[in-house]
Amino acid sequence: MQTWLYLAAAIVAEVIGTSFLKSSQGFTRLWPSLAVGVFYLVSFFFLSVTLRHLSVGVAYAIWAGAGIALIALVGYVLFGQKLDAAALAGIGLIIAGVVVINVFSGAASAGG
């Protein structure tokens, strides 16, 4: 259970860091740029801790897939970015893939 909390922390930190990328304006603004770095470091720290117990492929697939879905939601809610039907379908497929890995695959616990 703790492994999944670490992975969730890695995902949330990555999404926050990515959200600050927009306001960093190409790393021309100091504080948002520093926030990007800090949150990415936190994200990679928790992802590395997660890899003690999950295989790298599965952990990264979940981290990336969940991050894509969440940052799309953040873009919609905070930045007013619109998603068309194809984008929503693609994000839905990514979420479905994460669910399949977690529910049906034994590879999720194949770390070590």
C-alpha atoms as a PDB file:
ATOM      1  CA  MET A   1       0.000   0.000   0.000  1.00  0.00           C
ATOM      2  CA  GLN A   2       2.815   2.411   0.834  1.00  0.00           C
ATOM      3  CA  THR A   3       4.296   1.834  -2.631  1.00  0.00           C
ATOM      4  CA  TRP A   4       1.079   3.100  -4.223  1.00  0.00           C
ATOM      5  CA  LEU A   5       1.121   6.187  -2.003  1.00  0.00           C
ATOM      6  CA  TYR A   6       4.670   6.934  -3.154  1.00  0.00           C
ATOM      7  CA  LEU A   7       3.590   6.500  -6.761  1.00  0.00           C
ATOM      8  CA  ALA A   8       0.596   8.788  -6.188  1.00  0.00           C
ATOM      9  CA  ALA A   9       2.913  11.402  -4.642  1.00  0.00           C
ATOM     10  CA  ALA A  10       5.207  11.120  -7.675  1.00  0.00           C
ATOM     11  CA  ILE A  11       2.260  11.631 -10.027  1.00  0.00           C
ATOM     12  CA  VAL A  12       0.853  14.609  -8.128  1.00  0.00           C
ATOM     13  CA  ALA A  13       4.268  16.291  -7.878  1.00  0.00           C
ATOM     14  CA  GLU A  14       4.844  15.782 -11.613  1.00  0.00           C
ATOM     15  CA  VAL A  15       1.461  17.279 -12.467  1.00  0.00           C
ATOM     16  CA  ILE A  16       2.112  20.305 -10.236  1.00  0.00           C
ATOM     17  CA  GLY A  17       5.555  20.765 -11.790  1.00  0.00           C
ATOM     18  CA  THR A  18       4.137  20.519 -15.290  1.00  0.00           C
ATOM     19  CA  SER A  19       1.438  23.035 -14.380  1.00  0.00           C
ATOM     20  CA  PHE A  20       4.147  25.500 -13.356  1.00  0.00           C
ATOM     21  CA  LEU A  21       5.838  25.065 -16.754  1.00  0.00           C
ATOM     22  CA  LYS A  22       3.117  27.168 -18.358  1.00  0.00           C
ATOM     23  CA  SER A  23       3.557  30.038 -15.912  1.00  0.00           C
ATOM     24  CA  SER A  24       7.366  29.840 -16.125  1.00  0.00           C
ATOM     25  CA  GLN A  25       7.043  31.237 -19.679  1.00  0.00           C
ATOM     26  CA  GLY A  26       9.930  29.229 -21.070  1.00  0.00           C
ATOM     27  CA  PHE A  27      11.902  29.478 -17.818  1.00  0.00           C
ATOM     28  CA  THR A  28      11.997  33.264 -18.052  1.00  0.00           C
ATOM     29  CA  ARG A  29      10.193  33.770 -14.717  1.00  0.00           C
ATOM     30  CA  LEU A  30      12.207  32.838 -11.624  1.00  0.00           C
ATOM     31  CA  TRP A  31       9.667  31.543  -9.092  1.00  0.00           C
ATOM     32  CA  PRO A  32       7.586  29.381 -11.410  1.00  0.00           C
ATOM     33  CA  SER A  33      10.814  28.026 -12.906  1.00  0.00           C
ATOM     34  CA  LEU A  34      12.121  27.093  -9.463  1.00  0.00           C
ATOM     35  CA  ALA A  35       8.780  25.456  -8.658  1.00  0.00           C
ATOM     36  CA  VAL A  36       9.119  23.300 -11.794  1.00  0.00           C
ATOM     37  CA  GLY A  37      12.515  22.082 -10.642  1.00  0.00           C
ATOM     38  CA  VAL A  38      11.456  21.439  -7.062  1.00  0.00           C
ATOM     39  CA  PHE A  39       8.315  19.527  -7.987  1.00  0.00           C
ATOM     40  CA  TYR A  40      10.112  17.471 -10.641  1.00  0.00           C
ATOM     41  CA  LEU A  41      12.808  16.555  -8.105  1.00  0.00           C
ATOM     42  CA  VAL A  42      10.115  15.515  -5.620  1.00  0.00           C
ATOM     43  CA  SER A  43       8.377  13.530  -8.333  1.00  0.00           C
ATOM     44  CA  PHE A  44      11.512  11.666  -9.376  1.00  0.00           C
ATOM     45  CA  PHE A  45      12.406  10.985  -5.748  1.00  0.00           C
ATOM     46  CA  PHE A  46       9.050   9.332  -5.079  1.00  0.00           C
ATOM     47  CA  LEU A  47       9.164   7.502  -8.416  1.00  0.00           C
ATOM     48  CA  SER A  48      12.591   6.119  -7.517  1.00  0.00           C
ATOM     49  CA  VAL A  49      11.293   4.939  -4.135  1.00  0.00           C
ATOM     50  CA  THR A  50       8.368   3.286  -5.919  1.00  0.00           C
ATOM     51  CA  LEU A  51      10.794   1.337  -8.102  1.00  0.00           C
ATOM     52  CA  ARG A  52      11.973  -0.608  -5.059  1.00  0.00           C
ATOM     53  CA  HIS A  53       8.722  -2.578  -5.260  1.00  0.00           C
ATOM     54  CA  LEU A  54       7.288  -2.129  -8.763  1.00  0.00           C
ATOM     55  CA  SER A  55       8.838  -2.936 -12.108  1.00  0.00           C
ATOM     56  CA  VAL A  56      10.120   0.122 -13.921  1.00  0.00           C
ATOM     57  CA  GLY A  57       7.914  -0.419 -16.978  1.00  0.00           C
ATOM     58  CA  VAL A  58       4.706  -0.714 -14.993  1.00  0.00           C
ATOM     59  CA  ALA A  59       5.528   2.121 -12.592  1.00  0.00           C
ATOM     60  CA  TYR A  60       6.473   4.428 -15.442  1.00  0.00           C
ATOM     61  CA  ALA A  61       3.378   3.499 -17.466  1.00  0.00           C
ATOM     62  CA  ILE A  62       1.132   4.331 -14.511  1.00  0.00           C
ATOM     63  CA  TRP A  63       3.090   7.504 -13.674  1.00  0.00           C
ATOM     64  CA  ALA A  64       3.009   8.762 -17.243  1.00  0.00           C
ATOM     65  CA  GLY A  65      -0.564   7.694 -18.000  1.00  0.00           C
ATOM     66  CA  ALA A  66      -2.043   9.147 -14.853  1.00  0.00           C
ATOM     67  CA  GLY A  67       0.051  12.281 -15.332  1.00  0.00           C
ATOM     68  CA  ILE A  68      -1.288  12.754 -18.857  1.00  0.00           C
ATOM     69  CA  ALA A  69      -4.890  12.390 -17.727  1.00  0.00           C
ATOM     70  CA  LEU A  70      -4.454  14.692 -14.732  1.00  0.00           C
ATOM     71  CA  ILE A  71      -2.565  17.410 -16.597  1.00  0.00           C
ATOM     72  CA  ALA A  72      -5.280  17.399 -19.261  1.00  0.00           C
ATOM     73  CA  LEU A  73      -7.814  17.946 -16.469  1.00  0.00           C
ATOM     74  CA  VAL A  74      -5.670  20.733 -14.964  1.00  0.00           C
ATOM     75  CA  GLY A  75      -5.377  22.359 -18.381  1.00  0.00           C
ATOM     76  CA  TYR A  76      -9.135  22.281 -18.745  1.00  0.00           C
ATOM     77  CA  VAL A  77      -9.960  23.531 -15.237  1.00  0.00           C
ATOM     78  CA  LEU A  78      -7.173  26.054 -14.607  1.00  0.00           C
ATOM     79  CA  PHE A  79      -6.162  27.207 -18.073  1.00  0.00           C
ATOM     80  CA  GLY A  80      -9.442  26.908 -19.977  1.00  0.00           C
ATOM     81  CA  GLN A  81      -7.966  24.525 -22.537  1.00  0.00           C
ATOM     82  CA  LYS A  82     -10.516  22.542 -24.516  1.00  0.00           C
ATOM     83  CA  LEU A  83     -10.322  18.862 -25.379  1.00  0.00           C
ATOM     84  CA  ASP A  84     -12.000  17.456 -28.469  1.00  0.00           C
ATOM     85  CA  ALA A  85     -13.614  14.024 -28.720  1.00  0.00           C
ATOM     86  CA  ALA A  86     -10.440  12.389 -30.028  1.00  0.00           C
ATOM     87  CA  ALA A  87      -8.381  13.764 -27.126  1.00  0.00           C
ATOM     88  CA  LEU A  88     -10.969  12.579 -24.609  1.00  0.00           C
ATOM     89  CA  ALA A  89     -11.087   9.137 -26.234  1.00  0.00           C
ATOM     90  CA  GLY A  90      -7.303   8.883 -26.136  1.00  0.00           C
ATOM     91  CA  ILE A  91      -7.166   9.898 -22.484  1.00  0.00           C
ATOM     92  CA  GLY A  92      -9.894   7.368 -21.758  1.00  0.00           C
ATOM     93  CA  LEU A  93      -7.800   4.652 -23.397  1.00  0.00           C
ATOM     94  CA  ILE A  94      -4.786   5.663 -21.308  1.00  0.00           C
ATOM     95  CA  ILE A  95      -6.865   5.411 -18.125  1.00  0.00           C
ATOM     96  CA  ALA A  96      -8.223   2.048 -19.276  1.00  0.00           C
ATOM     97  CA  GLY A  97      -4.651   0.841 -19.808  1.00  0.00           C
ATOM     98  CA  VAL A  98      -3.651   1.860 -16.290  1.00  0.00           C
ATOM     99  CA  VAL A  99      -6.692   0.021 -14.898  1.00  0.00           C
ATOM    100  CA  VAL A 100      -5.872  -3.117 -16.916  1.00  0.00           C
ATOM    101  CA  ILE A 101      -2.297  -3.102 -15.627  1.00  0.00           C
ATOM    102  CA  ASN A 102      -3.414  -2.727 -12.023  1.00  0.00           C
ATOM    103  CA  VAL A 103      -6.322  -5.147 -12.074  1.00  0.00           C
ATOM    104  CA  PHE A 104      -5.262  -7.888 -14.466  1.00  0.00           C
ATOM    105  CA  SER A 105      -1.461  -7.867 -14.725  1.00  0.00           C
ATOM    106  CA  GLY A 106       0.899  -9.656 -12.392  1.00  0.00           C
ATOM    107  CA  ALA A 107       3.696  -7.482 -13.775  1.00  0.00           C
ATOM    108  CA  ALA A 108       2.798  -4.632 -11.408  1.00  0.00           C
ATOM    109  CA  SER A 109       4.375  -6.464  -8.494  1.00  0.00           C
ATOM    110  CA  ALA A 110       7.293  -7.851 -10.482  1.00  0.00           C
ATOM    111  CA  GLY A 111       9.753  -5.266  -9.174  1.00  0.00           C
ATOM    112  CA  GLY A 112      12.422  -6.077  -6.776  1.00  0.00           C
END
